[in-house]
Amino acid sequence: MIHSKLPNTGTTIFSIMTQLANEHKAINLSQGFPEFQAFPELGRLVKQYIDAGFNQYAPMHGVKELREQICSKIQKHYKKAYNPDTEIVITSGATQALYTAITAFIHKGDEVIIFEPAYDSYVPVIELNGGIPVFIKLNAPNFSVNWTEVRAAITEKTKMIIVNNPHNPTGVVFSKEDLSILSKIVSNTDIIIISDEVYEHITFDGIQHISASSIPELAERTIVITSFGKTFHTTGWKVGYCVAPEELIKEIKKVHQYLVFSVNTPVQYALAEFLKDESSFLGLSTFYEEKRNYFAKLIGETRFKLIQNQGTFFQLVDISTITDEDDYSFAIRMTKEYGVASIPLSVFYSQKEKMSLIRFCFAKHNETLERGVERLIKL
């Protein structure tokens, strides 16, 4: 008899919707992956390092050149100096970094505060480690944080708070004031912060991403996690990293070495060299803002109502003017009958309730977006 560690966890909604899209030949605007090719120069560099024989195990915490380049980038853009030898670990994507960081610190009975709607990998990892997720709902329709509620949720068992900024699935970007308030809330505590910043370079309308690294009082207790997959259109390469003070990274390394040990060697060397050209990531906001605006213009021809988007490559839309169905039922029907796949917002909540918001991914070629909206107009 199998005793499941995750009895309430099934296949992720992303896999479900992608499979459904494939079965019905639907345009897949659900799963969050860019449709674009990797930068040609980055691909050339990977091949260069493969051909040069850089194909064996990398150092456990990452290739030195990449660690140094990342730390240099953070110091320049966020004014925070990390030691590349003791305060960074290269990981197999952000999901592995999250798993490793949570596992390193959460014990049975520890409470972890999560903001809902929440990316779906947080809760299962907390539960696998015997932790207890504590949910704080962001306030719709602008999905702001009620910091008074956060203060009230902290107990002697609170071990960690997870922040996702820019936020998936809402597209909200936390302000400097938000992070400063969070810093004050956790001062004089032993609470660890995980700041999931995988969309750090995708913000719009002049809004700047404020990394937790850039708030000194917050940085001293924060594990910042990000990934190159979203930035360089290479989600399948699975290379990310986490940076944090040495005492935190020391514990993360203990888990990391027995989880994956090390990460793709030639890709690490290629990324280290490619990062020297800052235009590769500094131009990303402009690129995706144009995509967001184009998709918004197209959606304007439909009956969907746009929800304000400040960052990421996701767009929430309100379906209440189209149907009385709940978002999940509507998303399934829309995929089957109209050939466009999305993600219902309700799946990002611990307590499922009827909602009227769905999420589209606009990290697609214009032609894909156009074909998708041609079908949505029929709704």
Protein backbone atom coordinates (compact mmCIF):
# COMPACT_ATOMS: atom_id res chain seq x y z
CA MET A 1 0.00 0.00 0.00
CA ILE A 2 1.52 3.32 -1.08
CA HIS A 3 1.33 6.17 1.43
CA SER A 4 1.67 9.29 -0.72
CA LYS A 5 3.62 12.26 0.58
CA LEU A 6 1.48 14.50 -1.64
CA PRO A 7 -1.96 12.88 -1.57
CA ASN A 8 -3.73 15.99 -2.87
CA THR A 9 -1.30 16.73 -5.68
CA GLY A 10 -1.97 15.59 -9.23
CA THR A 11 -0.68 16.57 -12.65
CA THR A 12 0.01 20.30 -12.91
CA ILE A 13 -2.49 22.49 -14.72
CA PHE A 14 0.26 23.46 -17.17
CA SER A 15 0.68 19.87 -18.31
CA ILE A 16 -3.09 19.35 -18.40
CA MET A 17 -3.75 22.39 -20.58
CA THR A 18 -0.81 21.72 -22.88
CA GLN A 19 -1.95 18.13 -23.44
CA LEU A 20 -5.49 19.34 -24.06
CA ALA A 21 -4.18 21.92 -26.51
CA ASN A 22 -2.27 19.23 -28.38
CA GLU A 23 -5.28 16.91 -28.50
CA HIS A 24 -7.56 19.61 -29.93
CA LYS A 25 -4.90 21.33 -32.06
CA ALA A 26 -5.46 24.49 -30.03
CA ILE A 27 -3.19 27.53 -29.96
CA ASN A 28 -1.33 27.18 -26.68
CA LEU A 29 -1.36 30.47 -24.78
CA SER A 30 -1.35 28.62 -21.46
CA GLN A 31 2.08 27.34 -20.44
CA GLY A 32 4.64 30.05 -19.76
CA PHE A 33 7.37 29.45 -22.29
CA PRO A 34 8.66 31.84 -24.99
CA GLU A 35 8.02 30.83 -28.57
CA PHE A 36 11.18 32.56 -29.76
CA GLN A 37 14.51 31.07 -30.76
CA ALA A 38 17.50 31.44 -28.46
CA PHE A 39 19.90 34.23 -29.32
CA PRO A 40 22.12 32.92 -32.17
CA GLU A 41 25.29 34.12 -30.46
CA LEU A 42 24.38 32.24 -27.28
CA GLY A 43 23.83 29.07 -29.28
CA ARG A 44 27.16 29.58 -31.02
CA LEU A 45 28.92 29.92 -27.68
CA VAL A 46 27.38 26.72 -26.34
CA LYS A 47 28.60 24.83 -29.40
CA GLN A 48 32.01 26.46 -29.04
CA TYR A 49 32.40 25.16 -25.49
CA ILE A 50 31.06 21.72 -26.40
CA ASP A 51 33.57 21.47 -29.26
CA ALA A 52 36.35 22.70 -26.97
CA GLY A 53 35.70 19.77 -24.63
CA PHE A 54 33.92 21.48 -21.71
CA ASN A 55 31.63 18.51 -21.25
CA GLN A 56 32.39 17.02 -17.83
CA TYR A 57 31.07 17.87 -14.37
CA ALA A 58 31.11 21.52 -13.47
CA PRO A 59 32.08 22.56 -9.92
CA MET A 60 29.22 21.73 -7.53
CA HIS A 61 28.25 25.37 -6.93
CA GLY A 62 28.79 26.41 -10.53
CA VAL A 63 31.44 27.45 -13.04
CA LYS A 64 33.58 30.23 -11.55
CA GLU A 65 33.27 32.49 -14.60
CA LEU A 66 29.47 32.40 -14.44
CA ARG A 67 29.35 32.95 -10.69
CA GLU A 68 31.62 35.97 -11.04
CA GLN A 69 29.66 37.41 -13.97
CA ILE A 70 26.34 37.10 -12.13
CA CYS A 71 27.72 38.73 -9.00
CA SER A 72 29.17 41.55 -11.11
CA LYS A 73 25.78 42.05 -12.78
CA ILE A 74 23.97 42.19 -9.42
CA GLN A 75 26.46 44.65 -7.97
CA LYS A 76 26.13 46.96 -10.97
CA HIS A 77 22.34 46.93 -11.23
CA TYR A 78 21.21 46.32 -7.63
CA LYS A 79 24.19 47.77 -5.70
CA LYS A 80 24.67 44.60 -3.70
CA ALA A 81 28.03 42.82 -3.51
CA TYR A 82 27.93 39.03 -3.25
CA ASN A 83 31.00 36.85 -2.88
CA PRO A 84 31.10 34.60 -5.98
CA ASP A 85 32.87 31.86 -4.02
CA THR A 86 30.56 31.66 -0.99
CA GLU A 87 27.26 33.40 -1.75
CA ILE A 88 25.95 31.92 -4.99
CA VAL A 89 24.92 28.51 -6.34
CA ILE A 90 24.15 27.76 -9.99
CA THR A 91 21.07 25.52 -10.17
CA SER A 92 19.15 23.45 -12.68
CA GLY A 93 16.59 26.18 -13.21
CA ALA A 94 14.60 28.22 -10.70
CA THR A 95 12.31 25.32 -9.74
CA GLN A 96 15.26 23.31 -8.47
CA ALA A 97 16.59 26.39 -6.68
CA LEU A 98 13.22 26.80 -4.95
CA TYR A 99 13.08 23.14 -3.97
CA THR A 100 16.63 23.23 -2.63
CA ALA A 101 16.20 26.46 -0.68
CA ILE A 102 12.92 25.43 0.94
CA THR A 103 14.25 21.95 1.77
CA ALA A 104 17.38 23.40 3.35
CA PHE A 105 15.46 25.37 5.97
CA ILE A 106 11.92 24.08 6.49
CA HIS A 107 11.37 21.50 9.21
CA LYS A 108 8.21 19.75 10.34
CA GLY A 109 5.75 22.26 11.75
CA ASP A 110 7.46 25.35 10.35
CA GLU A 111 5.08 27.90 8.82
CA VAL A 112 5.73 29.51 5.44
CA ILE A 113 3.75 32.58 4.33
CA ILE A 114 2.74 32.56 0.67
CA PHE A 115 0.91 35.22 -1.33
CA GLU A 116 -2.02 33.96 -3.40
CA PRO A 117 -2.51 33.49 -6.29
CA ALA A 118 0.77 31.57 -6.01
CA TYR A 119 3.02 29.74 -8.45
CA ASP A 120 2.22 26.08 -8.05
CA SER A 121 5.60 24.68 -7.02
CA TYR A 122 5.79 26.40 -3.62
CA VAL A 123 3.20 24.48 -1.62
CA PRO A 124 4.15 20.89 -2.57
CA VAL A 125 7.77 21.48 -1.56
CA ILE A 126 6.74 23.01 1.76
CA GLU A 127 4.48 20.04 2.44
CA LEU A 128 7.13 17.50 1.42
CA ASN A 129 9.32 18.96 4.14
CA GLY A 130 6.57 18.88 6.77
CA GLY A 131 6.01 22.62 6.64
CA ILE A 132 2.68 24.40 6.88
CA PRO A 133 1.75 26.93 4.17
CA VAL A 134 0.01 30.05 5.43
CA PHE A 135 -1.87 31.89 2.70
CA ILE A 136 -2.28 35.65 2.28
CA LYS A 137 -4.54 36.71 -0.58
CA LEU A 138 -3.45 39.59 -2.76
CA ASN A 139 -6.21 42.16 -3.04
CA ALA A 140 -7.97 42.07 -6.41
CA PRO A 141 -8.32 43.74 -8.86
CA ASN A 142 -4.87 45.34 -8.48
CA PHE A 143 -3.50 42.43 -6.42
CA SER A 144 -1.83 44.57 -3.78
CA VAL A 145 -0.50 43.23 -0.47
CA ASN A 146 -2.30 43.89 2.80
CA TRP A 147 0.78 44.21 4.99
CA THR A 148 -1.32 44.48 8.14
CA GLU A 149 -2.62 41.01 7.36
CA VAL A 150 0.95 39.79 6.85
CA ARG A 151 1.98 41.10 10.27
CA ALA A 152 -0.99 39.38 11.87
CA ALA A 153 -0.12 36.07 10.19
CA ILE A 154 3.36 35.88 11.70
CA THR A 155 3.69 33.53 14.66
CA GLU A 156 6.55 31.97 16.58
CA LYS A 157 6.40 29.14 14.03
CA THR A 158 6.89 31.39 10.98
CA LYS A 159 10.17 30.36 9.36
CA MET A 160 9.90 31.76 5.85
CA ILE A 161 8.04 34.18 3.56
CA ILE A 162 8.04 33.61 -0.20
CA VAL A 163 7.76 36.64 -2.48
CA ASN A 164 7.37 36.38 -6.27
CA ASN A 165 8.38 39.66 -7.91
CA PRO A 166 7.43 40.37 -10.70
CA HIS A 167 4.47 38.21 -9.84
CA ASN A 168 3.21 35.19 -11.77
CA PRO A 169 0.29 34.93 -12.57
CA THR A 170 -0.94 38.51 -11.94
CA GLY A 171 1.81 40.56 -13.57
CA VAL A 172 2.10 42.81 -10.49
CA VAL A 173 5.49 44.32 -9.63
CA PHE A 174 6.21 44.90 -5.94
CA SER A 175 7.35 48.45 -5.18
CA LYS A 176 10.32 49.59 -3.12
CA GLU A 177 7.81 50.61 -0.46
CA ASP A 178 6.40 47.07 -0.41
CA LEU A 179 9.84 45.58 0.14
CA SER A 180 10.75 48.18 2.74
CA ILE A 181 7.59 47.35 4.71
CA LEU A 182 8.41 43.65 4.46
CA SER A 183 11.91 44.37 5.73
CA LYS A 184 10.51 46.16 8.78
CA ILE A 185 8.02 43.37 9.47
CA VAL A 186 10.72 40.70 9.65
CA SER A 187 13.33 42.78 11.46
CA ASN A 188 14.33 41.30 14.82
CA THR A 189 13.10 37.86 13.72
CA ASP A 190 14.78 34.77 12.29
CA ILE A 191 12.42 34.67 9.30
CA ILE A 192 14.06 33.82 5.97
CA ILE A 193 12.79 35.42 2.75
CA ILE A 194 12.77 33.69 -0.61
CA SER A 195 12.47 36.23 -3.41
CA ASP A 196 11.53 34.52 -6.67
CA GLU A 197 12.67 37.03 -9.31
CA VAL A 198 12.70 35.00 -12.53
CA TYR A 199 10.93 37.82 -14.42
CA GLU A 200 13.30 40.52 -13.13
CA HIS A 201 13.99 41.91 -16.61
CA ILE A 202 10.37 42.01 -17.79
CA THR A 203 8.65 45.13 -16.44
CA PHE A 204 6.59 47.74 -18.27
CA ASP A 205 5.59 51.41 -18.42
CA GLY A 206 8.80 52.63 -16.83
CA ILE A 207 8.29 50.54 -13.70
CA GLN A 208 11.61 49.35 -12.31
CA HIS A 209 12.15 45.94 -10.78
CA ILE A 210 13.38 46.36 -7.20
CA SER A 211 15.34 43.28 -6.21
CA ALA A 212 15.34 42.18 -2.59
CA SER A 213 19.12 42.33 -2.99
CA SER A 214 18.90 46.11 -3.24
CA ILE A 215 17.30 46.56 0.21
CA PRO A 216 20.24 46.07 2.63
CA GLU A 217 18.18 45.05 5.67
CA LEU A 218 16.22 42.59 3.53
CA ALA A 219 19.19 41.19 1.63
CA GLU A 220 20.81 39.93 4.84
CA ARG A 221 18.03 37.35 5.27
CA THR A 222 16.94 36.79 1.64
CA ILE A 223 17.59 34.03 -0.88
CA VAL A 224 17.12 35.59 -4.32
CA ILE A 225 16.27 33.06 -7.02
CA THR A 226 16.17 33.65 -10.74
CA SER A 227 16.69 31.89 -14.06
CA PHE A 228 18.12 32.36 -17.51
CA GLY A 229 15.29 30.44 -19.17
CA LYS A 230 12.79 33.29 -19.23
CA THR A 231 15.45 35.90 -19.99
CA PHE A 232 17.10 34.21 -22.97
CA HIS A 233 14.13 32.18 -24.33
CA THR A 234 15.80 28.93 -23.20
CA THR A 235 13.47 27.39 -20.62
CA GLY A 236 14.54 23.90 -21.72
CA TRP A 237 18.16 24.51 -20.77
CA LYS A 238 17.23 24.66 -17.08
CA VAL A 239 19.93 26.94 -15.69
CA GLY A 240 19.22 29.32 -12.82
CA TYR A 241 20.84 30.41 -9.59
CA CYS A 242 20.30 31.58 -6.05
CA VAL A 243 22.28 34.23 -4.22
CA ALA A 244 22.20 34.82 -0.47
CA PRO A 245 24.43 35.51 2.52
CA GLU A 246 27.08 32.88 3.10
CA GLU A 247 25.38 31.26 6.11
CA LEU A 248 22.27 30.58 3.97
CA ILE A 249 24.17 29.42 0.89
CA LYS A 250 26.18 27.02 3.06
CA GLU A 251 22.97 25.14 3.93
CA ILE A 252 21.65 25.32 0.36
CA LYS A 253 24.84 23.69 -0.93
CA LYS A 254 24.31 20.74 1.41
CA VAL A 255 21.00 19.91 -0.30
CA HIS A 256 22.06 20.95 -3.80
CA GLN A 257 25.02 18.54 -3.92
CA TYR A 258 22.77 15.52 -3.36
CA LEU A 259 19.92 16.73 -5.55
CA VAL A 260 21.67 17.51 -8.85
CA PHE A 261 25.29 18.02 -7.75
CA SER A 262 26.12 20.24 -10.72
CA VAL A 263 24.60 21.88 -13.78
CA ASN A 264 25.18 21.75 -17.56
CA THR A 265 28.83 22.72 -18.05
CA PRO A 266 29.07 24.15 -21.62
CA VAL A 267 25.88 26.18 -21.12
CA GLN A 268 27.34 27.74 -17.97
CA TYR A 269 30.50 28.83 -19.79
CA ALA A 270 28.43 30.18 -22.68
CA LEU A 271 26.16 32.17 -20.34
CA ALA A 272 29.16 33.63 -18.54
CA GLU A 273 30.48 35.04 -21.79
CA PHE A 274 27.08 36.06 -23.17
CA LEU A 275 26.16 38.06 -20.04
CA LYS A 276 28.98 40.48 -20.78
CA ASP A 277 26.74 41.97 -23.48
CA GLU A 278 24.13 43.74 -21.32
CA SER A 279 21.88 44.48 -24.26
CA SER A 280 20.89 40.81 -24.17
CA PHE A 281 18.82 41.38 -21.02
CA LEU A 282 18.41 45.16 -20.76
CA GLY A 283 16.34 45.19 -23.96
CA LEU A 284 13.94 42.56 -22.73
CA SER A 285 11.42 44.95 -21.14
CA THR A 286 11.01 46.90 -24.39
CA PHE A 287 10.66 43.67 -26.38
CA TYR A 288 7.93 42.27 -24.13
CA GLU A 289 6.17 45.61 -23.61
CA GLU A 290 5.64 45.72 -27.37
CA LYS A 291 4.25 42.17 -27.19
CA ARG A 292 1.96 43.09 -24.30
CA ASN A 293 0.66 46.17 -26.10
CA TYR A 294 0.08 44.28 -29.34
CA PHE A 295 -1.77 41.50 -27.54
CA ALA A 296 -3.84 44.08 -25.64
CA LYS A 297 -4.78 45.74 -28.93
CA LEU A 298 -5.89 42.41 -30.35
CA ILE A 299 -7.84 41.47 -27.20
CA GLY A 300 -9.59 44.83 -27.47
CA GLU A 301 -11.52 43.34 -30.40
CA THR A 302 -12.94 40.61 -28.14
CA ARG A 303 -15.34 40.60 -25.20
CA PHE A 304 -12.59 39.90 -22.68
CA LYS A 305 -11.71 42.64 -20.21
CA LEU A 306 -8.00 43.27 -19.67
CA ILE A 307 -6.53 43.43 -16.16
CA GLN A 308 -3.61 45.84 -15.67
CA ASN A 309 -0.24 44.19 -16.25
CA GLN A 310 3.04 45.63 -14.91
CA GLY A 311 5.45 42.82 -15.70
CA THR A 312 6.08 39.18 -16.73
CA PHE A 313 4.80 37.83 -20.05
CA PHE A 314 1.34 36.94 -18.73
CA GLN A 315 -1.94 38.78 -19.19
CA LEU A 316 -5.01 38.27 -16.99
CA VAL A 317 -8.42 38.81 -18.57
CA ASP A 318 -11.90 38.92 -17.04
CA ILE A 319 -14.40 36.50 -18.59
CA SER A 320 -17.48 37.69 -16.67
CA THR A 321 -18.86 39.61 -19.67
CA ILE A 322 -18.73 36.40 -21.73
CA THR A 323 -19.92 33.61 -19.45
CA ASP A 324 -21.31 32.71 -16.03
CA GLU A 325 -19.07 29.62 -15.94
CA ASP A 326 -16.23 29.31 -13.48
CA ASP A 327 -12.80 29.99 -14.93
CA TYR A 328 -11.71 26.34 -14.94
CA SER A 329 -14.76 25.06 -16.82
CA PHE A 330 -14.54 27.95 -19.26
CA ALA A 331 -10.81 27.39 -19.92
CA ILE A 332 -11.45 23.72 -20.70
CA ARG A 333 -14.39 24.52 -22.97
CA MET A 334 -12.51 27.32 -24.73
CA THR A 335 -9.67 24.93 -25.54
CA LYS A 336 -11.97 22.21 -26.88
CA GLU A 337 -14.52 24.35 -28.73
CA TYR A 338 -12.57 27.44 -29.79
CA GLY A 339 -9.03 26.10 -29.98
CA VAL A 340 -7.24 28.46 -27.59
CA ALA A 341 -5.63 27.23 -24.36
CA SER A 342 -5.28 29.39 -21.25
CA ILE A 343 -4.79 28.90 -17.50
CA PRO A 344 -7.67 29.51 -15.05
CA LEU A 345 -6.59 31.76 -12.18
CA SER A 346 -8.38 29.65 -9.55
CA VAL A 347 -5.74 26.89 -9.79
CA PHE A 348 -3.24 29.27 -8.17
CA TYR A 349 -5.27 29.32 -4.93
CA SER A 350 -5.31 26.80 -2.07
CA GLN A 351 -9.08 27.02 -1.68
CA LYS A 352 -10.77 26.58 -5.02
CA GLU A 353 -13.67 28.94 -5.57
CA LYS A 354 -15.56 30.28 -8.53
CA MET A 355 -13.52 32.93 -10.30
CA SER A 356 -13.80 34.84 -13.55
CA LEU A 357 -10.16 35.41 -14.50
CA ILE A 358 -7.93 33.44 -16.85
CA ARG A 359 -4.26 33.88 -17.79
CA PHE A 360 -2.80 34.10 -21.27
CA CYS A 361 0.91 33.91 -22.13
CA PHE A 362 1.83 36.50 -24.77
CA ALA A 363 5.47 35.39 -25.20
CA LYS A 364 4.59 34.32 -28.73
CA HIS A 365 5.13 35.44 -32.30
CA ASN A 366 2.64 38.05 -33.49
CA GLU A 367 1.23 35.54 -35.95
CA THR A 368 0.45 33.14 -33.11
CA LEU A 369 -1.27 35.87 -31.11
CA GLU A 370 -3.25 36.95 -34.16
CA ARG A 371 -4.45 33.42 -34.88
CA GLY A 372 -5.41 32.96 -31.26
CA VAL A 373 -7.43 36.17 -31.08
CA GLU A 374 -9.15 35.40 -34.39
CA ARG A 375 -10.64 32.44 -32.58
CA LEU A 376 -11.38 34.35 -29.37
CA ILE A 377 -13.37 36.97 -31.28
CA LYS A 378 -15.95 34.24 -31.95
CA LEU A 379 -16.74 33.94 -28.24
